């Protein structure tokens, strides 16, 4: 069984910094979160493959509330709860409220859900789990709040995410500049340990392309993806190290563009008892996506 990370772990995340990073990014988040929007739509589409009629839905890691709005539209009779650790993100989510498509907002940590046992029919989580140190704690909470036939559907980043940036920084100084992302098989093991049943996982890969390394760094900053790992460099990164990183990244340029790979793990699992109707199998693949082709969201 995995243990919660500690300060001795260079990849341990500073939860206060995570919250502050997303607070700062909340106002302009949607302008740069093009991949997050793409994955969100795919995760929502996967719900069409499952017969669920939830009374209570939790959007864990709701961010600016786009999925919460769509979940409220799709499940018209359900109470939808947008849950996020960032108060500023939840304030932005309030702008997604419609006259007839309301949802509640709840500021909380996914590892300590302020919800009653067996009170939720559907937990939806898009690209939130990579910001959680202790998957066992998060999955145990999901298992606790889910009803026996409840569904947990999620996406998160796998270990090949930002592999080009990781290689470039390794060539520059060997310090921790990119967060750790967990392998699909380890995620599946954690689901089983938590008591969630019949987990199904698959992987898709996307490649965003950039003209310059600085464009990638600006995008990461704009979506709150700061380096908040315990092993991050102390103080500002010197010009020499940054220049070495950019030179190493340039060596990975393909077809005139700098690639940024994202490995996205899609998963689902049920509460204590899986219903007879299950989700059809999904086959992972690889997509190469230009940032411009996805489109920006205002």
C-alpha atoms as a PDB file:
ATOM      1  CA  UNK A   1       0.000   0.000   0.000  1.00  0.00           C
ATOM      2  CA  UNK A   2       1.268   3.460  -0.841  1.00  0.00           C
ATOM      3  CA  UNK A   3       1.899   5.877   1.980  1.00  0.00           C
ATOM      4  CA  UNK A   4       1.183   9.605   1.937  1.00  0.00           C
ATOM      5  CA  UNK A   5       4.161  11.551   0.660  1.00  0.00           C
ATOM      6  CA  UNK A   6       6.208  13.579   3.122  1.00  0.00           C
ATOM      7  CA  UNK A   7       8.422  16.623   2.937  1.00  0.00           C
ATOM      8  CA  UNK A   8      11.372  14.260   2.345  1.00  0.00           C
ATOM      9  CA  UNK A   9       9.808  13.255  -0.967  1.00  0.00           C
ATOM     10  CA  UNK A  10      11.039  15.729  -3.641  1.00  0.00           C
ATOM     11  CA  UNK A  11       7.725  15.311  -5.494  1.00  0.00           C
ATOM     12  CA  UNK A  12       5.556  16.038  -2.448  1.00  0.00           C
ATOM     13  CA  UNK A  13       3.108  18.832  -3.277  1.00  0.00           C
ATOM     14  CA  UNK A  14       2.625  21.958  -1.190  1.00  0.00           C
ATOM     15  CA  UNK A  15      -1.179  22.066  -0.890  1.00  0.00           C
ATOM     16  CA  UNK A  16      -1.220  25.736   0.096  1.00  0.00           C
ATOM     17  CA  UNK A  17       0.801  26.612  -3.005  1.00  0.00           C
ATOM     18  CA  UNK A  18      -1.493  24.491  -5.175  1.00  0.00           C
ATOM     19  CA  UNK A  19      -4.479  26.461  -3.922  1.00  0.00           C
ATOM     20  CA  UNK A  20      -2.759  29.826  -4.373  1.00  0.00           C
ATOM     21  CA  UNK A  21      -1.592  28.907  -7.883  1.00  0.00           C
ATOM     22  CA  UNK A  22      -5.125  28.151  -8.996  1.00  0.00           C
ATOM     23  CA  UNK A  23      -6.486  31.206  -7.200  1.00  0.00           C
ATOM     24  CA  UNK A  24      -4.095  33.388  -9.212  1.00  0.00           C
ATOM     25  CA  UNK A  25      -4.865  31.600 -12.479  1.00  0.00           C
ATOM     26  CA  UNK A  26      -8.650  31.580 -12.071  1.00  0.00           C
ATOM     27  CA  UNK A  27      -9.515  34.762 -13.958  1.00  0.00           C
ATOM     28  CA  UNK A  28      -7.689  33.885 -17.208  1.00  0.00           C
ATOM     29  CA  UNK A  29      -7.629  30.094 -16.849  1.00  0.00           C
ATOM     30  CA  UNK A  30     -10.053  29.299 -19.664  1.00  0.00           C
ATOM     31  CA  UNK A  31      -8.041  31.209 -22.262  1.00  0.00           C
ATOM     32  CA  UNK A  32      -5.142  28.756 -22.000  1.00  0.00           C
ATOM     33  CA  UNK A  33      -6.794  25.553 -20.737  1.00  0.00           C
ATOM     34  CA  UNK A  34      -7.464  24.239 -24.247  1.00  0.00           C
ATOM     35  CA  UNK A  35      -6.376  20.676 -23.558  1.00  0.00           C
ATOM     36  CA  UNK A  36      -8.302  20.611 -20.291  1.00  0.00           C
ATOM     37  CA  UNK A  37     -11.434  21.636 -22.208  1.00  0.00           C
ATOM     38  CA  UNK A  38     -10.848  18.937 -24.823  1.00  0.00           C
ATOM     39  CA  UNK A  39     -10.419  16.222 -22.194  1.00  0.00           C
ATOM     40  CA  UNK A  40     -13.440  17.519 -20.277  1.00  0.00           C
ATOM     41  CA  UNK A  41     -15.650  17.073 -23.348  1.00  0.00           C
ATOM     42  CA  UNK A  42     -14.367  13.540 -23.914  1.00  0.00           C
ATOM     43  CA  UNK A  43     -14.963  12.591 -20.293  1.00  0.00           C
ATOM     44  CA  UNK A  44     -18.510  13.965 -20.471  1.00  0.00           C
ATOM     45  CA  UNK A  45     -19.149  12.055 -23.693  1.00  0.00           C
ATOM     46  CA  UNK A  46     -18.150   8.831 -21.977  1.00  0.00           C
ATOM     47  CA  UNK A  47     -21.075   9.269 -19.615  1.00  0.00           C
ATOM     48  CA  UNK A  48     -23.346   8.642 -22.604  1.00  0.00           C
ATOM     49  CA  UNK A  49     -22.045   5.057 -22.626  1.00  0.00           C
ATOM     50  CA  UNK A  50     -23.321   4.401 -19.120  1.00  0.00           C
ATOM     51  CA  UNK A  51     -26.895   4.206 -17.896  1.00  0.00           C
ATOM     52  CA  UNK A  52     -26.955   6.455 -14.874  1.00  0.00           C
ATOM     53  CA  UNK A  53     -29.753   8.614 -13.495  1.00  0.00           C
ATOM     54  CA  UNK A  54     -28.087  10.335 -10.539  1.00  0.00           C
ATOM     55  CA  UNK A  55     -29.821  12.346  -7.852  1.00  0.00           C
ATOM     56  CA  UNK A  56     -26.558  13.842  -6.544  1.00  0.00           C
ATOM     57  CA  UNK A  57     -23.499  14.590  -8.701  1.00  0.00           C
ATOM     58  CA  UNK A  58     -20.142  15.889  -7.480  1.00  0.00           C
ATOM     59  CA  UNK A  59     -17.766  17.598  -9.907  1.00  0.00           C
ATOM     60  CA  UNK A  60     -14.495  17.127  -8.008  1.00  0.00           C
ATOM     61  CA  UNK A  61     -11.911  19.679  -9.078  1.00  0.00           C
ATOM     62  CA  UNK A  62     -14.590  21.742 -10.811  1.00  0.00           C
ATOM     63  CA  UNK A  63     -12.308  24.663 -11.628  1.00  0.00           C
ATOM     64  CA  UNK A  64     -14.197  27.355 -13.527  1.00  0.00           C
ATOM     65  CA  UNK A  65     -17.374  25.278 -13.627  1.00  0.00           C
ATOM     66  CA  UNK A  66     -17.833  24.351 -17.284  1.00  0.00           C
ATOM     67  CA  UNK A  67     -18.354  20.655 -16.506  1.00  0.00           C
ATOM     68  CA  UNK A  68     -20.668  21.490 -13.601  1.00  0.00           C
ATOM     69  CA  UNK A  69     -22.859  23.502 -15.953  1.00  0.00           C
ATOM     70  CA  UNK A  70     -22.955  20.668 -18.495  1.00  0.00           C
ATOM     71  CA  UNK A  71     -23.651  18.053 -15.826  1.00  0.00           C
ATOM     72  CA  UNK A  72     -26.565  20.151 -14.557  1.00  0.00           C
ATOM     73  CA  UNK A  73     -27.878  20.412 -18.103  1.00  0.00           C
ATOM     74  CA  UNK A  74     -27.482  16.685 -18.764  1.00  0.00           C
ATOM     75  CA  UNK A  75     -28.891  15.473 -15.433  1.00  0.00           C
ATOM     76  CA  UNK A  76     -31.745  17.932 -15.047  1.00  0.00           C
ATOM     77  CA  UNK A  77     -33.225  16.389 -11.928  1.00  0.00           C
ATOM     78  CA  UNK A  78     -29.900  16.012 -10.092  1.00  0.00           C
ATOM     79  CA  UNK A  79     -28.290  18.215  -7.500  1.00  0.00           C
ATOM     80  CA  UNK A  80     -24.862  19.082  -8.919  1.00  0.00           C
ATOM     81  CA  UNK A  81     -22.068  20.151  -6.559  1.00  0.00           C
ATOM     82  CA  UNK A  82     -19.025  21.944  -7.956  1.00  0.00           C
ATOM     83  CA  UNK A  83     -16.193  21.134  -5.533  1.00  0.00           C
ATOM     84  CA  UNK A  84     -12.753  22.707  -5.678  1.00  0.00           C
ATOM     85  CA  UNK A  85      -9.913  23.586  -3.318  1.00  0.00           C
ATOM     86  CA  UNK A  86      -9.603  27.066  -4.845  1.00  0.00           C
ATOM     87  CA  UNK A  87     -12.124  29.708  -3.691  1.00  0.00           C
ATOM     88  CA  UNK A  88     -11.256  31.933  -6.652  1.00  0.00           C
ATOM     89  CA  UNK A  89     -11.958  29.121  -9.125  1.00  0.00           C
ATOM     90  CA  UNK A  90     -15.359  28.596  -7.519  1.00  0.00           C
ATOM     91  CA  UNK A  91     -16.120  32.312  -7.829  1.00  0.00           C
ATOM     92  CA  UNK A  92     -15.429  32.014 -11.559  1.00  0.00           C
ATOM     93  CA  UNK A  93     -17.606  28.891 -11.653  1.00  0.00           C
ATOM     94  CA  UNK A  94     -20.497  31.025 -10.415  1.00  0.00           C
ATOM     95  CA  UNK A  95     -20.505  32.701 -13.832  1.00  0.00           C
ATOM     96  CA  UNK A  96     -21.520  29.385 -15.396  1.00  0.00           C
ATOM     97  CA  UNK A  97     -24.806  29.397 -13.521  1.00  0.00           C
ATOM     98  CA  UNK A  98     -27.917  29.649 -15.649  1.00  0.00           C
ATOM     99  CA  UNK A  99     -31.415  30.572 -14.630  1.00  0.00           C
ATOM    100  CA  UNK A 100     -32.588  26.974 -14.971  1.00  0.00           C
ATOM    101  CA  UNK A 101     -29.242  25.200 -14.674  1.00  0.00           C
ATOM    102  CA  UNK A 102     -28.068  25.858 -11.141  1.00  0.00           C
ATOM    103  CA  UNK A 103     -25.409  24.000  -9.184  1.00  0.00           C
ATOM    104  CA  UNK A 104     -23.997  24.290  -5.696  1.00  0.00           C
ATOM    105  CA  UNK A 105     -20.396  25.315  -4.992  1.00  0.00           C
ATOM    106  CA  UNK A 106     -18.315  23.771  -2.227  1.00  0.00           C
ATOM    107  CA  UNK A 107     -14.717  24.673  -1.327  1.00  0.00           C
ATOM    108  CA  UNK A 108     -13.025  21.521  -0.031  1.00  0.00           C
ATOM    109  CA  UNK A 109     -10.102  19.133  -0.456  1.00  0.00           C
ATOM    110  CA  UNK A 110     -10.874  15.916  -2.344  1.00  0.00           C
ATOM    111  CA  UNK A 111      -9.040  13.944   0.343  1.00  0.00           C
ATOM    112  CA  UNK A 112     -11.464  15.260   3.008  1.00  0.00           C
ATOM    113  CA  UNK A 113     -14.896  15.492   1.458  1.00  0.00           C
ATOM    114  CA  UNK A 114     -17.458  17.235   3.702  1.00  0.00           C
ATOM    115  CA  UNK A 115     -20.208  14.918   2.444  1.00  0.00           C
ATOM    116  CA  UNK A 116     -22.198  12.183   4.143  1.00  0.00           C
ATOM    117  CA  UNK A 117     -21.486   8.490   3.629  1.00  0.00           C
ATOM    118  CA  UNK A 118     -23.275   6.913   0.656  1.00  0.00           C
ATOM    119  CA  UNK A 119     -24.814  10.243  -0.381  1.00  0.00           C
ATOM    120  CA  UNK A 120     -23.556  10.648  -3.971  1.00  0.00           C
ATOM    121  CA  UNK A 121     -24.564   8.824  -7.164  1.00  0.00           C
ATOM    122  CA  UNK A 122     -21.859  10.156  -9.488  1.00  0.00           C
ATOM    123  CA  UNK A 123     -18.397  11.586  -8.841  1.00  0.00           C
ATOM    124  CA  UNK A 124     -16.948  13.245 -11.956  1.00  0.00           C
ATOM    125  CA  UNK A 125     -13.362  14.500 -11.890  1.00  0.00           C
ATOM    126  CA  UNK A 126     -11.500  16.010 -14.820  1.00  0.00           C
ATOM    127  CA  UNK A 127      -7.718  16.444 -14.513  1.00  0.00           C
ATOM    128  CA  UNK A 128      -7.689  16.988 -10.760  1.00  0.00           C
ATOM    129  CA  UNK A 129      -6.059  13.836  -9.370  1.00  0.00           C
ATOM    130  CA  UNK A 130      -2.535  14.805 -10.475  1.00  0.00           C
ATOM    131  CA  UNK A 131      -2.705  17.585  -7.857  1.00  0.00           C
ATOM    132  CA  UNK A 132      -3.349  15.077  -5.054  1.00  0.00           C
ATOM    133  CA  UNK A 133      -0.409  13.554  -3.200  1.00  0.00           C
ATOM    134  CA  UNK A 134      -2.271  10.634  -1.693  1.00  0.00           C
ATOM    135  CA  UNK A 135      -4.502   8.779  -4.148  1.00  0.00           C
ATOM    136  CA  UNK A 136      -5.402   6.222  -1.491  1.00  0.00           C
ATOM    137  CA  UNK A 137      -6.954   8.966   0.663  1.00  0.00           C
ATOM    138  CA  UNK A 138      -8.852  10.511  -2.267  1.00  0.00           C
ATOM    139  CA  UNK A 139     -10.174   7.181  -3.545  1.00  0.00           C
ATOM    140  CA  UNK A 140     -11.165   6.129  -0.019  1.00  0.00           C
ATOM    141  CA  UNK A 141     -13.219   9.323   0.261  1.00  0.00           C
ATOM    142  CA  UNK A 142     -14.827   8.702  -3.129  1.00  0.00           C
ATOM    143  CA  UNK A 143     -15.680   5.168  -2.036  1.00  0.00           C
ATOM    144  CA  UNK A 144     -17.118   6.476   1.247  1.00  0.00           C
ATOM    145  CA  UNK A 145     -19.457   9.056  -0.290  1.00  0.00           C
ATOM    146  CA  UNK A 146     -20.600   6.922  -3.235  1.00  0.00           C
ATOM    147  CA  UNK A 147     -23.839   5.011  -2.992  1.00  0.00           C
ATOM    148  CA  UNK A 148     -23.503   1.218  -3.527  1.00  0.00           C
ATOM    149  CA  UNK A 149     -24.252   1.539  -7.258  1.00  0.00           C
ATOM    150  CA  UNK A 150     -22.557   4.926  -7.596  1.00  0.00           C
ATOM    151  CA  UNK A 151     -20.131   5.697 -10.417  1.00  0.00           C
ATOM    152  CA  UNK A 152     -16.715   7.364 -10.256  1.00  0.00           C
ATOM    153  CA  UNK A 153     -15.499   8.656 -13.620  1.00  0.00           C
ATOM    154  CA  UNK A 154     -12.258  10.613 -13.972  1.00  0.00           C
ATOM    155  CA  UNK A 155      -9.277  11.693 -16.021  1.00  0.00           C
ATOM    156  CA  UNK A 156      -5.746  12.462 -14.882  1.00  0.00           C
ATOM    157  CA  UNK A 157      -2.265  12.788 -16.344  1.00  0.00           C
ATOM    158  CA  UNK A 158       0.031   9.795 -16.777  1.00  0.00           C
ATOM    159  CA  UNK A 159       3.844   9.622 -16.458  1.00  0.00           C
ATOM    160  CA  UNK A 160       4.639  10.572 -20.071  1.00  0.00           C
ATOM    161  CA  UNK A 161       3.014  13.974 -19.579  1.00  0.00           C
ATOM    162  CA  UNK A 162       5.418  16.833 -20.439  1.00  0.00           C
ATOM    163  CA  UNK A 163       8.165  14.283 -21.020  1.00  0.00           C
ATOM    164  CA  UNK A 164       9.965  16.665 -23.394  1.00  0.00           C
ATOM    165  CA  UNK A 165      10.069  19.396 -20.753  1.00  0.00           C
ATOM    166  CA  UNK A 166      11.219  16.899 -18.146  1.00  0.00           C
ATOM    167  CA  UNK A 167      14.093  15.756 -20.393  1.00  0.00           C
ATOM    168  CA  UNK A 168      15.120  19.335 -21.129  1.00  0.00           C
ATOM    169  CA  UNK A 169      15.268  20.310 -17.447  1.00  0.00           C
ATOM    170  CA  UNK A 170      17.135  17.092 -16.623  1.00  0.00           C
ATOM    171  CA  UNK A 171      19.801  18.140 -19.117  1.00  0.00           C
ATOM    172  CA  UNK A 172      19.944  21.606 -17.537  1.00  0.00           C
ATOM    173  CA  UNK A 173      20.226  20.895 -13.808  1.00  0.00           C
ATOM    174  CA  UNK A 174      18.624  17.605 -12.747  1.00  0.00           C
ATOM    175  CA  UNK A 175      16.307  19.285 -10.210  1.00  0.00           C
ATOM    176  CA  UNK A 176      12.545  18.792  -9.952  1.00  0.00           C
ATOM    177  CA  UNK A 177      10.797  21.122 -12.394  1.00  0.00           C
ATOM    178  CA  UNK A 178       7.854  18.935 -13.473  1.00  0.00           C
ATOM    179  CA  UNK A 179       5.392  17.211 -11.156  1.00  0.00           C
ATOM    180  CA  UNK A 180       5.254  13.442 -10.840  1.00  0.00           C
ATOM    181  CA  UNK A 181       2.402  11.732 -12.679  1.00  0.00           C
ATOM    182  CA  UNK A 182       1.167   8.259 -11.723  1.00  0.00           C
ATOM    183  CA  UNK A 183       1.069   5.240 -14.029  1.00  0.00           C
ATOM    184  CA  UNK A 184      -2.307   3.848 -15.097  1.00  0.00           C
ATOM    185  CA  UNK A 185      -1.633   0.480 -13.456  1.00  0.00           C
ATOM    186  CA  UNK A 186      -0.824   2.120 -10.116  1.00  0.00           C
ATOM    187  CA  UNK A 187      -4.048   4.118 -10.357  1.00  0.00           C
ATOM    188  CA  UNK A 188      -5.959   0.884 -10.939  1.00  0.00           C
ATOM    189  CA  UNK A 189      -4.302  -0.718  -7.913  1.00  0.00           C
ATOM    190  CA  UNK A 190      -5.276   2.273  -5.765  1.00  0.00           C
ATOM    191  CA  UNK A 191      -8.895   2.026  -6.906  1.00  0.00           C
ATOM    192  CA  UNK A 192      -9.007  -1.624  -5.854  1.00  0.00           C
ATOM    193  CA  UNK A 193      -7.366  -0.880  -2.500  1.00  0.00           C
ATOM    194  CA  UNK A 194     -10.060   1.711  -1.820  1.00  0.00           C
ATOM    195  CA  UNK A 195     -12.785  -0.878  -2.353  1.00  0.00           C
ATOM    196  CA  UNK A 196     -14.052   0.533  -5.647  1.00  0.00           C
ATOM    197  CA  UNK A 197     -15.085  -2.262  -8.005  1.00  0.00           C
ATOM    198  CA  UNK A 198     -14.693  -3.160 -11.659  1.00  0.00           C
ATOM    199  CA  UNK A 199     -12.220  -0.391 -12.542  1.00  0.00           C
ATOM    200  CA  UNK A 200     -11.752   0.279 -16.252  1.00  0.00           C
ATOM    201  CA  UNK A 201      -8.861   2.452 -17.446  1.00  0.00           C
ATOM    202  CA  UNK A 202      -7.392   3.464 -20.782  1.00  0.00           C
ATOM    203  CA  UNK A 203      -4.895   6.002 -22.069  1.00  0.00           C
ATOM    204  CA  UNK A 204      -4.926   8.584 -24.829  1.00  0.00           C
ATOM    205  CA  UNK A 205      -1.996  10.776 -25.838  1.00  0.00           C
ATOM    206  CA  UNK A 206      -2.112  14.317 -27.141  1.00  0.00           C
ATOM    207  CA  UNK A 207       0.676  16.496 -28.454  1.00  0.00           C
ATOM    208  CA  UNK A 208       0.327  20.245 -28.268  1.00  0.00           C
ATOM    209  CA  UNK A 209       2.783  22.148 -30.432  1.00  0.00           C
ATOM    210  CA  UNK A 210       4.526  25.453 -29.788  1.00  0.00           C
ATOM    211  CA  UNK A 211       6.767  27.829 -31.701  1.00  0.00           C
ATOM    212  CA  UNK A 212       8.930  28.568 -28.669  1.00  0.00           C
ATOM    213  CA  UNK A 213       9.602  27.157 -25.217  1.00  0.00           C
ATOM    214  CA  UNK A 214       8.440  30.425 -23.656  1.00  0.00           C
ATOM    215  CA  UNK A 215       4.981  29.910 -25.175  1.00  0.00           C
ATOM    216  CA  UNK A 216       4.694  26.571 -23.377  1.00  0.00           C
ATOM    217  CA  UNK A 217       5.896  28.066 -20.101  1.00  0.00           C
ATOM    218  CA  UNK A 218       3.347  30.902 -20.373  1.00  0.00           C
ATOM    219  CA  UNK A 219       0.537  28.420 -20.989  1.00  0.00           C
ATOM    220  CA  UNK A 220       1.527  26.337 -17.974  1.00  0.00           C
ATOM    221  CA  UNK A 221       1.661  29.435 -15.788  1.00  0.00           C
ATOM    222  CA  UNK A 222      -1.708  30.645 -17.086  1.00  0.00           C
ATOM    223  CA  UNK A 223      -3.477  27.426 -16.042  1.00  0.00           C
ATOM    224  CA  UNK A 224      -1.892  27.416 -12.585  1.00  0.00           C
ATOM    225  CA  UNK A 225       0.477  24.547 -13.355  1.00  0.00           C
ATOM    226  CA  UNK A 226       3.316  25.944 -11.289  1.00  0.00           C
ATOM    227  CA  UNK A 227       6.094  23.799  -9.885  1.00  0.00           C
ATOM    228  CA  UNK A 228       4.913  23.241  -6.306  1.00  0.00           C
ATOM    229  CA  UNK A 229       6.949  20.101  -5.592  1.00  0.00           C
ATOM    230  CA  UNK A 230       9.109  19.990  -2.471  1.00  0.00           C
ATOM    231  CA  UNK A 231      12.204  19.368  -4.603  1.00  0.00           C
ATOM    232  CA  UNK A 232      11.740  22.471  -6.742  1.00  0.00           C
ATOM    233  CA  UNK A 233      14.750  24.779  -7.056  1.00  0.00           C
ATOM    234  CA  UNK A 234      15.084  27.342  -4.299  1.00  0.00           C
ATOM    235  CA  UNK A 235      14.796  30.892  -5.584  1.00  0.00           C
ATOM    236  CA  UNK A 236      14.649  31.994  -9.195  1.00  0.00           C
ATOM    237  CA  UNK A 237      16.022  29.827 -11.977  1.00  0.00           C
ATOM    238  CA  UNK A 238      19.234  31.392 -13.287  1.00  0.00           C
ATOM    239  CA  UNK A 239      19.593  32.500 -16.893  1.00  0.00           C
ATOM    240  CA  UNK A 240      22.266  29.907 -17.542  1.00  0.00           C
ATOM    241  CA  UNK A 241      20.108  26.974 -16.450  1.00  0.00           C
ATOM    242  CA  UNK A 242      17.095  28.302 -18.328  1.00  0.00           C
ATOM    243  CA  UNK A 243      19.198  28.720 -21.483  1.00  0.00           C
ATOM    244  CA  UNK A 244      20.458  25.134 -21.157  1.00  0.00           C
ATOM    245  CA  UNK A 245      16.881  23.907 -20.783  1.00  0.00           C
ATOM    246  CA  UNK A 246      15.759  25.775 -23.901  1.00  0.00           C
ATOM    247  CA  UNK A 247      18.708  24.415 -25.871  1.00  0.00           C
ATOM    248  CA  UNK A 248      17.872  20.860 -24.811  1.00  0.00           C
ATOM    249  CA  UNK A 249      14.215  21.377 -25.703  1.00  0.00           C
ATOM    250  CA  UNK A 250      15.179  22.726 -29.132  1.00  0.00           C
ATOM    251  CA  UNK A 251      16.867  19.396 -29.883  1.00  0.00           C
ATOM    252  CA  UNK A 252      13.388  17.827 -29.690  1.00  0.00           C
ATOM    253  CA  UNK A 253      11.823  20.131 -32.306  1.00  0.00           C
ATOM    254  CA  UNK A 254       9.835  18.211 -34.946  1.00  0.00           C
ATOM    255  CA  UNK A 255       8.391  19.542 -38.189  1.00  0.00           C
ATOM    256  CA  UNK A 256       9.316  23.050 -37.128  1.00  0.00           C
ATOM    257  CA  UNK A 257       7.394  22.852 -33.841  1.00  0.00           C
ATOM    258  CA  UNK A 258       8.231  22.085 -30.227  1.00  0.00           C
ATOM    259  CA  UNK A 259       6.068  19.195 -28.952  1.00  0.00           C
ATOM    260  CA  UNK A 260       4.502  18.965 -25.510  1.00  0.00           C
ATOM    261  CA  UNK A 261       3.115  15.478 -24.891  1.00  0.00           C
ATOM    262  CA  UNK A 262       0.217  14.835 -22.533  1.00  0.00           C
ATOM    263  CA  UNK A 263      -0.642  11.289 -21.509  1.00  0.00           C
ATOM    264  CA  UNK A 264      -4.238  11.290 -20.308  1.00  0.00           C
ATOM    265  CA  UNK A 265      -5.567   8.392 -18.242  1.00  0.00           C
ATOM    266  CA  UNK A 266      -9.343   7.930 -18.380  1.00  0.00           C
ATOM    267  CA  UNK A 267     -10.925   5.753 -15.708  1.00  0.00           C
ATOM    268  CA  UNK A 268     -14.109   4.662 -14.075  1.00  0.00           C
ATOM    269  CA  UNK A 269     -15.053   2.453 -11.148  1.00  0.00           C
ATOM    270  CA  UNK A 270     -18.195   1.678  -9.204  1.00  0.00           C
ATOM    271  CA  UNK A 271     -19.174   1.810  -5.561  1.00  0.00           C
ATOM    272  CA  UNK A 272     -19.575  -1.339  -3.513  1.00  0.00           C
ATOM    273  CA  UNK A 273     -21.801  -3.013  -6.123  1.00  0.00           C
ATOM    274  CA  UNK A 274     -21.426  -2.600  -9.861  1.00  0.00           C
ATOM    275  CA  UNK A 275     -24.748  -2.332 -11.715  1.00  0.00           C
ATOM    276  CA  UNK A 276     -25.493  -4.861 -14.474  1.00  0.00           C
ATOM    277  CA  UNK A 277     -25.105  -2.254 -17.223  1.00  0.00           C
ATOM    278  CA  UNK A 278     -21.505  -1.263 -17.684  1.00  0.00           C
ATOM    279  CA  UNK A 279     -19.566   1.047 -19.901  1.00  0.00           C
ATOM    280  CA  UNK A 280     -18.526  -0.314 -23.274  1.00  0.00           C
ATOM    281  CA  UNK A 281     -14.810  -0.876 -23.822  1.00  0.00           C
ATOM    282  CA  UNK A 282     -12.745   2.079 -24.924  1.00  0.00           C
ATOM    283  CA  UNK A 283      -9.524   1.833 -26.857  1.00  0.00           C
ATOM    284  CA  UNK A 284      -6.845   4.406 -26.223  1.00  0.00           C
ATOM    285  CA  UNK A 285      -5.009   6.135 -29.030  1.00  0.00           C
ATOM    286  CA  UNK A 286      -2.745   9.022 -29.848  1.00  0.00           C
ATOM    287  CA  UNK A 287      -3.777  12.416 -31.160  1.00  0.00           C
ATOM    288  CA  UNK A 288      -1.531  15.183 -32.396  1.00  0.00           C
ATOM    289  CA  UNK A 289      -3.174  18.516 -31.708  1.00  0.00           C
ATOM    290  CA  UNK A 290      -2.113  22.015 -32.577  1.00  0.00           C
ATOM    291  CA  UNK A 291      -2.961  24.512 -29.822  1.00  0.00           C
ATOM    292  CA  UNK A 292      -4.629  26.741 -32.397  1.00  0.00           C
ATOM    293  CA  UNK A 293      -6.758  23.936 -33.805  1.00  0.00           C
ATOM    294  CA  UNK A 294      -8.429  23.267 -30.441  1.00  0.00           C
ATOM    295  CA  UNK A 295      -9.544  26.832 -30.078  1.00  0.00           C
ATOM    296  CA  UNK A 296      -9.507  29.202 -27.154  1.00  0.00           C
ATOM    297  CA  UNK A 297     -12.323  29.683 -24.651  1.00  0.00           C
ATOM    298  CA  UNK A 298     -13.221  33.135 -23.458  1.00  0.00           C
END
